[in-house]
Amino acid sequence: MVKTIPADLFFMFIVGLLFSRTTLRQQERTKSLFKNYYFLTALAFQTLFCMPPAIYFYFAYPDWCLMYWLDSRYLSLPLVFFLYALYYLFITLGFSLSSFLERYRKGISLKVVGWTLLLFLLFSLLTFKRLLFVGTIEQ
């Protein structure tokens, strides 16, 4: 997993799509997203396995995590918390979208996963230098 915030948001959306896609039959029994065992499992996965390295890399290499689009010296702590809250928003959006789409057309969520992966690869290719160069804005 790439540890830059913009790329991670794509990744979290894809993780949400995949968690939802693989548990569609079991989700039919639950009406509320926040009472859904599989959604809560996706959030636990994110909290335990994705957030610790993301936070570590932000404090170790803040400019790289922001892909050199923002100067980390000028970001306030509340804005950084907001950026990390977006991780939870994107996994929630992915999970909800997959579940919603499958109710109306079977198999469409798999196409959304494919298109999102394609967009992620395109994003990675277009920002190749920003993703691979770990350092600061001054460097």
N, C-alpha and C. Protein backbone atom coordinates (compact mmCIF):
# COMPACT_ATOMS: atom_id res chain seq x y z
N MET A 1 0.85 -1.17 0.00
CA MET A 1 0.00 0.00 0.00
C MET A 1 0.89 1.23 0.00
N VAL A 2 0.61 2.14 -0.90
CA VAL A 2 1.34 3.40 -0.98
C VAL A 2 0.86 4.28 0.16
N LYS A 3 1.77 4.96 0.81
CA LYS A 3 1.39 5.75 1.98
C LYS A 3 1.36 7.24 1.68
N THR A 4 0.69 7.62 0.64
CA THR A 4 0.45 9.03 0.39
C THR A 4 -1.04 9.25 0.47
N ILE A 5 -1.44 10.33 1.05
CA ILE A 5 -2.86 10.55 1.34
C ILE A 5 -3.74 10.49 0.09
N PRO A 6 -3.44 11.21 -0.99
CA PRO A 6 -4.32 11.11 -2.16
C PRO A 6 -4.43 9.69 -2.73
N ALA A 7 -3.32 8.98 -2.81
CA ALA A 7 -3.36 7.60 -3.32
C ALA A 7 -4.09 6.69 -2.34
N ASP A 8 -3.92 6.93 -1.06
CA ASP A 8 -4.59 6.11 -0.06
C ASP A 8 -6.10 6.27 -0.10
N LEU A 9 -6.58 7.46 -0.46
CA LEU A 9 -8.03 7.65 -0.54
C LEU A 9 -8.62 6.77 -1.63
N PHE A 10 -7.93 6.68 -2.77
CA PHE A 10 -8.33 5.73 -3.82
C PHE A 10 -8.35 4.32 -3.25
N PHE A 11 -7.27 3.97 -2.56
CA PHE A 11 -7.12 2.63 -2.01
C PHE A 11 -8.24 2.31 -1.02
N MET A 12 -8.57 3.25 -0.14
CA MET A 12 -9.63 3.01 0.84
C MET A 12 -10.99 2.83 0.16
N PHE A 13 -11.23 3.58 -0.90
CA PHE A 13 -12.47 3.43 -1.65
C PHE A 13 -12.54 2.02 -2.25
N ILE A 14 -11.43 1.56 -2.81
CA ILE A 14 -11.37 0.21 -3.40
C ILE A 14 -11.55 -0.85 -2.31
N VAL A 15 -10.93 -0.66 -1.15
CA VAL A 15 -11.09 -1.62 -0.05
C VAL A 15 -12.56 -1.69 0.37
N GLY A 16 -13.21 -0.53 0.47
CA GLY A 16 -14.64 -0.52 0.81
C GLY A 16 -15.47 -1.25 -0.22
N LEU A 17 -15.19 -1.01 -1.50
CA LEU A 17 -15.90 -1.71 -2.58
C LEU A 17 -15.72 -3.22 -2.46
N LEU A 18 -14.48 -3.65 -2.22
CA LEU A 18 -14.18 -5.08 -2.17
C LEU A 18 -14.78 -5.75 -0.94
N PHE A 19 -14.69 -5.08 0.22
CA PHE A 19 -15.31 -5.65 1.43
C PHE A 19 -16.80 -5.85 1.21
N SER A 20 -17.44 -4.86 0.63
CA SER A 20 -18.88 -4.95 0.38
C SER A 20 -19.19 -6.01 -0.67
N ARG A 21 -18.42 -6.01 -1.72
CA ARG A 21 -18.65 -6.94 -2.84
C ARG A 21 -18.57 -8.39 -2.40
N THR A 22 -17.64 -8.70 -1.52
CA THR A 22 -17.44 -10.09 -1.11
C THR A 22 -18.44 -10.54 -0.05
N THR A 23 -19.22 -9.62 0.50
CA THR A 23 -20.16 -9.99 1.56
C THR A 23 -21.60 -9.60 1.22
N LEU A 24 -21.91 -9.51 -0.06
CA LEU A 24 -23.24 -9.04 -0.48
C LEU A 24 -24.39 -9.88 0.07
N ARG A 25 -24.26 -11.18 0.03
CA ARG A 25 -25.36 -12.05 0.50
C ARG A 25 -25.62 -11.86 1.99
N GLN A 26 -24.55 -11.73 2.76
CA GLN A 26 -24.70 -11.58 4.20
C GLN A 26 -25.27 -10.21 4.57
N GLN A 27 -25.05 -9.21 3.72
CA GLN A 27 -25.50 -7.86 4.02
C GLN A 27 -27.01 -7.70 3.93
N GLU A 28 -27.66 -8.57 3.18
CA GLU A 28 -29.10 -8.44 2.97
C GLU A 28 -29.89 -8.53 4.27
N ARG A 29 -29.32 -9.15 5.28
CA ARG A 29 -30.01 -9.31 6.56
C ARG A 29 -29.96 -8.05 7.42
N THR A 30 -29.07 -7.12 7.12
CA THR A 30 -28.87 -5.94 7.95
C THR A 30 -29.36 -4.70 7.22
N LYS A 31 -30.17 -3.91 7.89
CA LYS A 31 -30.70 -2.69 7.29
C LYS A 31 -29.74 -1.51 7.47
N SER A 32 -29.18 -1.36 8.65
CA SER A 32 -28.33 -0.21 8.96
C SER A 32 -26.87 -0.52 8.66
N LEU A 33 -26.21 0.42 8.02
CA LEU A 33 -24.79 0.26 7.71
C LEU A 33 -23.97 0.09 8.98
N PHE A 34 -24.30 0.85 10.02
CA PHE A 34 -23.50 0.82 11.24
C PHE A 34 -23.81 -0.36 12.15
N LYS A 35 -24.81 -1.16 11.77
CA LYS A 35 -25.07 -2.42 12.47
C LYS A 35 -24.60 -3.61 11.64
N ASN A 36 -23.97 -3.31 10.52
CA ASN A 36 -23.51 -4.33 9.60
C ASN A 36 -22.14 -4.85 10.05
N TYR A 37 -22.08 -6.12 10.38
CA TYR A 37 -20.85 -6.75 10.86
C TYR A 37 -19.70 -6.57 9.87
N TYR A 38 -20.00 -6.68 8.59
CA TYR A 38 -18.95 -6.63 7.57
C TYR A 38 -18.43 -5.21 7.36
N PHE A 39 -19.30 -4.25 7.49
CA PHE A 39 -18.85 -2.86 7.42
C PHE A 39 -17.97 -2.54 8.63
N LEU A 40 -18.39 -2.97 9.80
CA LEU A 40 -17.59 -2.74 11.01
C LEU A 40 -16.25 -3.47 10.92
N THR A 41 -16.24 -4.64 10.28
CA THR A 41 -14.98 -5.36 10.05
C THR A 41 -14.07 -4.56 9.12
N ALA A 42 -14.64 -3.95 8.09
CA ALA A 42 -13.85 -3.12 7.18
C ALA A 42 -13.25 -1.93 7.93
N LEU A 43 -14.03 -1.30 8.81
CA LEU A 43 -13.51 -0.18 9.60
C LEU A 43 -12.41 -0.65 10.56
N ALA A 44 -12.60 -1.82 11.15
CA ALA A 44 -11.57 -2.37 12.04
C ALA A 44 -10.29 -2.66 11.26
N PHE A 45 -10.42 -3.25 10.07
CA PHE A 45 -9.27 -3.50 9.21
C PHE A 45 -8.52 -2.21 8.93
N GLN A 46 -9.27 -1.18 8.57
CA GLN A 46 -8.64 0.11 8.28
C GLN A 46 -7.94 0.67 9.51
N THR A 47 -8.61 0.62 10.64
CA THR A 47 -8.06 1.19 11.87
C THR A 47 -6.80 0.45 12.31
N LEU A 48 -6.80 -0.87 12.19
CA LEU A 48 -5.67 -1.66 12.68
C LEU A 48 -4.51 -1.77 11.70
N PHE A 49 -4.82 -1.85 10.40
CA PHE A 49 -3.77 -2.14 9.43
C PHE A 49 -3.40 -0.98 8.51
N CYS A 50 -4.30 -0.04 8.31
CA CYS A 50 -4.03 1.05 7.37
C CYS A 50 -3.66 2.36 8.07
N MET A 51 -4.34 2.67 9.14
CA MET A 51 -4.11 3.97 9.79
C MET A 51 -2.75 4.07 10.49
N PRO A 52 -2.29 3.06 11.23
CA PRO A 52 -0.99 3.22 11.90
C PRO A 52 0.16 3.55 10.93
N PRO A 53 0.34 2.81 9.82
CA PRO A 53 1.42 3.20 8.92
C PRO A 53 1.18 4.56 8.26
N ALA A 54 -0.08 4.87 7.96
CA ALA A 54 -0.38 6.17 7.35
C ALA A 54 0.01 7.32 8.28
N ILE A 55 -0.32 7.19 9.54
CA ILE A 55 0.03 8.24 10.51
C ILE A 55 1.53 8.29 10.72
N TYR A 56 2.17 7.12 10.83
CA TYR A 56 3.63 7.10 10.98
C TYR A 56 4.31 7.83 9.82
N PHE A 57 3.92 7.47 8.60
CA PHE A 57 4.57 8.08 7.43
C PHE A 57 4.27 9.57 7.34
N TYR A 58 3.10 9.99 7.82
CA TYR A 58 2.83 11.44 7.79
C TYR A 58 3.81 12.17 8.71
N PHE A 59 4.04 11.63 9.90
CA PHE A 59 4.95 12.31 10.82
C PHE A 59 6.41 12.14 10.41
N ALA A 60 6.75 11.06 9.73
CA ALA A 60 8.12 10.86 9.26
C ALA A 60 8.40 11.62 7.96
N TYR A 61 7.46 11.62 7.03
CA TYR A 61 7.64 12.24 5.71
C TYR A 61 6.37 13.01 5.31
N PRO A 62 6.07 14.11 5.99
CA PRO A 62 4.79 14.79 5.74
C PRO A 62 4.63 15.32 4.33
N ASP A 63 5.68 15.87 3.74
CA ASP A 63 5.54 16.42 2.38
C ASP A 63 5.27 15.33 1.36
N TRP A 64 5.92 14.18 1.53
CA TRP A 64 5.69 13.06 0.62
C TRP A 64 4.26 12.55 0.76
N CYS A 65 3.76 12.46 1.99
CA CYS A 65 2.38 12.00 2.19
C CYS A 65 1.38 12.91 1.51
N LEU A 66 1.71 14.17 1.40
CA LEU A 66 0.84 15.13 0.72
C LEU A 66 1.19 15.25 -0.76
N MET A 67 2.11 14.40 -1.22
CA MET A 67 2.57 14.34 -2.61
C MET A 67 3.13 15.67 -3.10
N TYR A 68 3.65 16.45 -2.19
CA TYR A 68 4.30 17.73 -2.49
C TYR A 68 3.34 18.76 -3.08
N TRP A 69 2.03 18.54 -2.95
CA TRP A 69 1.06 19.51 -3.42
C TRP A 69 0.81 20.59 -2.37
N LEU A 70 0.98 20.24 -1.11
CA LEU A 70 0.83 21.20 -0.01
C LEU A 70 2.09 21.17 0.82
N ASP A 71 2.47 22.31 1.33
CA ASP A 71 3.63 22.38 2.22
C ASP A 71 3.15 22.04 3.63
N SER A 72 3.66 20.96 4.16
CA SER A 72 3.19 20.47 5.47
C SER A 72 3.46 21.46 6.60
N ARG A 73 4.42 22.35 6.41
CA ARG A 73 4.73 23.32 7.47
C ARG A 73 3.57 24.29 7.70
N TYR A 74 2.71 24.43 6.72
CA TYR A 74 1.61 25.40 6.83
C TYR A 74 0.26 24.75 7.13
N LEU A 75 0.25 23.46 7.38
CA LEU A 75 -1.00 22.77 7.69
C LEU A 75 -1.24 22.75 9.19
N SER A 76 -2.45 23.06 9.57
CA SER A 76 -2.80 23.00 10.99
C SER A 76 -3.14 21.55 11.36
N LEU A 77 -3.03 21.25 12.63
CA LEU A 77 -3.33 19.90 13.10
C LEU A 77 -4.79 19.50 12.83
N PRO A 78 -5.77 20.41 13.01
CA PRO A 78 -7.15 20.02 12.67
C PRO A 78 -7.31 19.64 11.19
N LEU A 79 -6.58 20.29 10.30
CA LEU A 79 -6.66 19.94 8.89
C LEU A 79 -6.08 18.55 8.63
N VAL A 80 -5.01 18.22 9.33
CA VAL A 80 -4.41 16.88 9.20
C VAL A 80 -5.40 15.83 9.71
N PHE A 81 -6.07 16.10 10.84
CA PHE A 81 -7.09 15.17 11.33
C PHE A 81 -8.21 15.01 10.32
N PHE A 82 -8.60 16.11 9.68
CA PHE A 82 -9.63 16.05 8.65
C PHE A 82 -9.19 15.16 7.48
N LEU A 83 -7.93 15.30 7.07
CA LEU A 83 -7.42 14.47 5.97
C LEU A 83 -7.50 12.99 6.32
N TYR A 84 -7.19 12.65 7.57
CA TYR A 84 -7.26 11.25 7.98
C TYR A 84 -8.69 10.78 8.20
N ALA A 85 -9.59 11.69 8.52
CA ALA A 85 -11.02 11.34 8.61
C ALA A 85 -11.55 10.97 7.22
N LEU A 86 -10.95 11.57 6.19
CA LEU A 86 -11.35 11.24 4.82
C LEU A 86 -11.12 9.76 4.51
N TYR A 87 -10.13 9.13 5.15
CA TYR A 87 -9.90 7.70 4.95
C TYR A 87 -11.17 6.92 5.29
N TYR A 88 -11.78 7.26 6.44
CA TYR A 88 -12.99 6.58 6.88
C TYR A 88 -14.17 6.92 5.97
N LEU A 89 -14.21 8.14 5.49
CA LEU A 89 -15.27 8.53 4.56
C LEU A 89 -15.17 7.73 3.27
N PHE A 90 -13.97 7.57 2.74
CA PHE A 90 -13.80 6.88 1.46
C PHE A 90 -14.08 5.38 1.57
N ILE A 91 -13.71 4.75 2.67
CA ILE A 91 -14.03 3.32 2.81
C ILE A 91 -15.55 3.16 2.97
N THR A 92 -16.18 4.10 3.66
CA THR A 92 -17.63 4.08 3.82
C THR A 92 -18.33 4.29 2.48
N LEU A 93 -17.83 5.23 1.69
CA LEU A 93 -18.41 5.48 0.36
C LEU A 93 -18.29 4.24 -0.53
N GLY A 94 -17.12 3.62 -0.52
CA GLY A 94 -16.92 2.42 -1.33
C GLY A 94 -17.84 1.29 -0.92
N PHE A 95 -17.95 1.07 0.38
CA PHE A 95 -18.80 0.00 0.90
C PHE A 95 -20.27 0.27 0.55
N SER A 96 -20.70 1.50 0.79
CA SER A 96 -22.10 1.87 0.54
C SER A 96 -22.44 1.81 -0.95
N LEU A 97 -21.54 2.32 -1.78
CA LEU A 97 -21.80 2.35 -3.22
C LEU A 97 -21.95 0.94 -3.78
N SER A 98 -21.06 0.06 -3.39
CA SER A 98 -21.12 -1.32 -3.89
C SER A 98 -22.44 -1.98 -3.48
N SER A 99 -22.80 -1.80 -2.24
CA SER A 99 -24.03 -2.38 -1.73
C SER A 99 -25.25 -1.80 -2.45
N PHE A 100 -25.26 -0.50 -2.63
CA PHE A 100 -26.36 0.20 -3.29
C PHE A 100 -26.51 -0.24 -4.75
N LEU A 101 -25.39 -0.27 -5.46
CA LEU A 101 -25.44 -0.63 -6.88
C LEU A 101 -25.91 -2.07 -7.11
N GLU A 102 -25.48 -2.98 -6.25
CA GLU A 102 -25.84 -4.39 -6.42
C GLU A 102 -27.33 -4.64 -6.22
N ARG A 103 -27.99 -3.80 -5.46
CA ARG A 103 -29.43 -3.96 -5.27
C ARG A 103 -30.19 -3.69 -6.57
N TYR A 104 -29.63 -2.83 -7.40
CA TYR A 104 -30.31 -2.43 -8.62
C TYR A 104 -29.85 -3.17 -9.87
N ARG A 105 -28.61 -3.64 -9.85
CA ARG A 105 -28.11 -4.37 -11.02
C ARG A 105 -26.98 -5.30 -10.58
N LYS A 106 -27.24 -6.57 -10.64
CA LYS A 106 -26.26 -7.58 -10.21
C LYS A 106 -24.99 -7.50 -11.06
N GLY A 107 -23.85 -7.55 -10.38
CA GLY A 107 -22.56 -7.57 -11.07
C GLY A 107 -21.96 -6.21 -11.38
N ILE A 108 -22.73 -5.15 -11.19
CA ILE A 108 -22.20 -3.83 -11.55
C ILE A 108 -21.10 -3.37 -10.59
N SER A 109 -21.15 -3.81 -9.35
CA SER A 109 -20.12 -3.37 -8.40
C SER A 109 -18.75 -3.89 -8.80
N LEU A 110 -18.71 -5.04 -9.45
CA LEU A 110 -17.43 -5.57 -9.94
C LEU A 110 -16.87 -4.68 -11.04
N LYS A 111 -17.74 -4.14 -11.87
CA LYS A 111 -17.29 -3.20 -12.90
C LYS A 111 -16.77 -1.91 -12.26
N VAL A 112 -17.43 -1.47 -11.20
CA VAL A 112 -16.98 -0.26 -10.50
C VAL A 112 -15.60 -0.50 -9.88
N VAL A 113 -15.38 -1.69 -9.33
CA VAL A 113 -14.06 -2.04 -8.79
C VAL A 113 -13.02 -1.97 -9.91
N GLY A 114 -13.34 -2.54 -11.05
CA GLY A 114 -12.41 -2.52 -12.19
C GLY A 114 -12.09 -1.11 -12.65
N TRP A 115 -13.11 -0.28 -12.82
CA TRP A 115 -12.90 1.10 -13.25
C TRP A 115 -12.11 1.90 -12.21
N THR A 116 -12.40 1.66 -10.94
CA THR A 116 -11.67 2.38 -9.89
C THR A 116 -10.21 1.95 -9.86
N LEU A 117 -9.95 0.66 -10.03
CA LEU A 117 -8.56 0.19 -10.11
C LEU A 117 -7.85 0.81 -11.31
N LEU A 118 -8.54 0.91 -12.42
CA LEU A 118 -7.97 1.54 -13.61
C LEU A 118 -7.64 3.02 -13.34
N LEU A 119 -8.55 3.73 -12.69
CA LEU A 119 -8.29 5.13 -12.33
C LEU A 119 -7.12 5.25 -11.36
N PHE A 120 -7.04 4.30 -10.41
CA PHE A 120 -5.93 4.30 -9.46
C PHE A 120 -4.60 4.10 -10.19
N LEU A 121 -4.56 3.18 -11.13
CA LEU A 121 -3.33 2.95 -11.91
C LEU A 121 -2.98 4.17 -12.75
N LEU A 122 -3.97 4.79 -13.35
CA LEU A 122 -3.74 6.01 -14.13
C LEU A 122 -3.21 7.13 -13.23
N PHE A 123 -3.82 7.30 -12.08
CA PHE A 123 -3.36 8.29 -11.11
C PHE A 123 -1.91 8.01 -10.71
N SER A 124 -1.60 6.75 -10.45
CA SER A 124 -0.23 6.37 -10.06
C SER A 124 0.77 6.65 -11.17
N LEU A 125 0.38 6.39 -12.41
CA LEU A 125 1.28 6.67 -13.54
C LEU A 125 1.49 8.17 -13.73
N LEU A 126 0.43 8.94 -13.59
CA LEU A 126 0.54 10.39 -13.77
C LEU A 126 1.31 11.07 -12.65
N THR A 127 1.31 10.48 -11.48
CA THR A 127 2.01 11.07 -10.33
C THR A 127 3.20 10.21 -9.91
N PHE A 128 3.75 9.48 -10.86
CA PHE A 128 4.83 8.53 -10.62
C PHE A 128 5.97 9.15 -9.82
N LYS A 129 6.46 10.31 -10.22
CA LYS A 129 7.60 10.93 -9.54
C LYS A 129 7.25 11.34 -8.12
N ARG A 130 6.05 11.83 -7.92
CA ARG A 130 5.63 12.24 -6.58
C ARG A 130 5.50 11.03 -5.65
N LEU A 131 5.08 9.91 -6.18
CA LEU A 131 4.91 8.72 -5.36
C LEU A 131 6.24 8.09 -4.98
N LEU A 132 7.20 8.12 -5.88
CA LEU A 132 8.47 7.43 -5.62
C LEU A 132 9.51 8.26 -4.90
N PHE A 133 9.45 9.58 -5.04
CA PHE A 133 10.46 10.42 -4.39
C PHE A 133 10.03 10.73 -2.97
N VAL A 134 10.73 10.14 -2.01
CA VAL A 134 10.42 10.37 -0.60
C VAL A 134 11.38 11.42 -0.08
N GLY A 135 10.84 12.53 0.38
CA GLY A 135 11.68 13.60 0.90
C GLY A 135 10.84 14.77 1.36
N THR A 136 11.39 15.96 1.16
CA THR A 136 10.69 17.18 1.55
C THR A 136 10.54 18.08 0.34
N ILE A 137 9.76 19.12 0.48
CA ILE A 137 9.57 20.07 -0.62
C ILE A 137 10.89 20.74 -0.98
N GLU A 138 11.73 21.01 0.00
CA GLU A 138 13.02 21.66 -0.27
C GLU A 138 13.94 20.80 -1.13
N GLN A 139 13.84 19.50 -0.99
CA GLN A 139 14.72 18.61 -1.74
C GLN A 139 14.27 18.57 -3.18
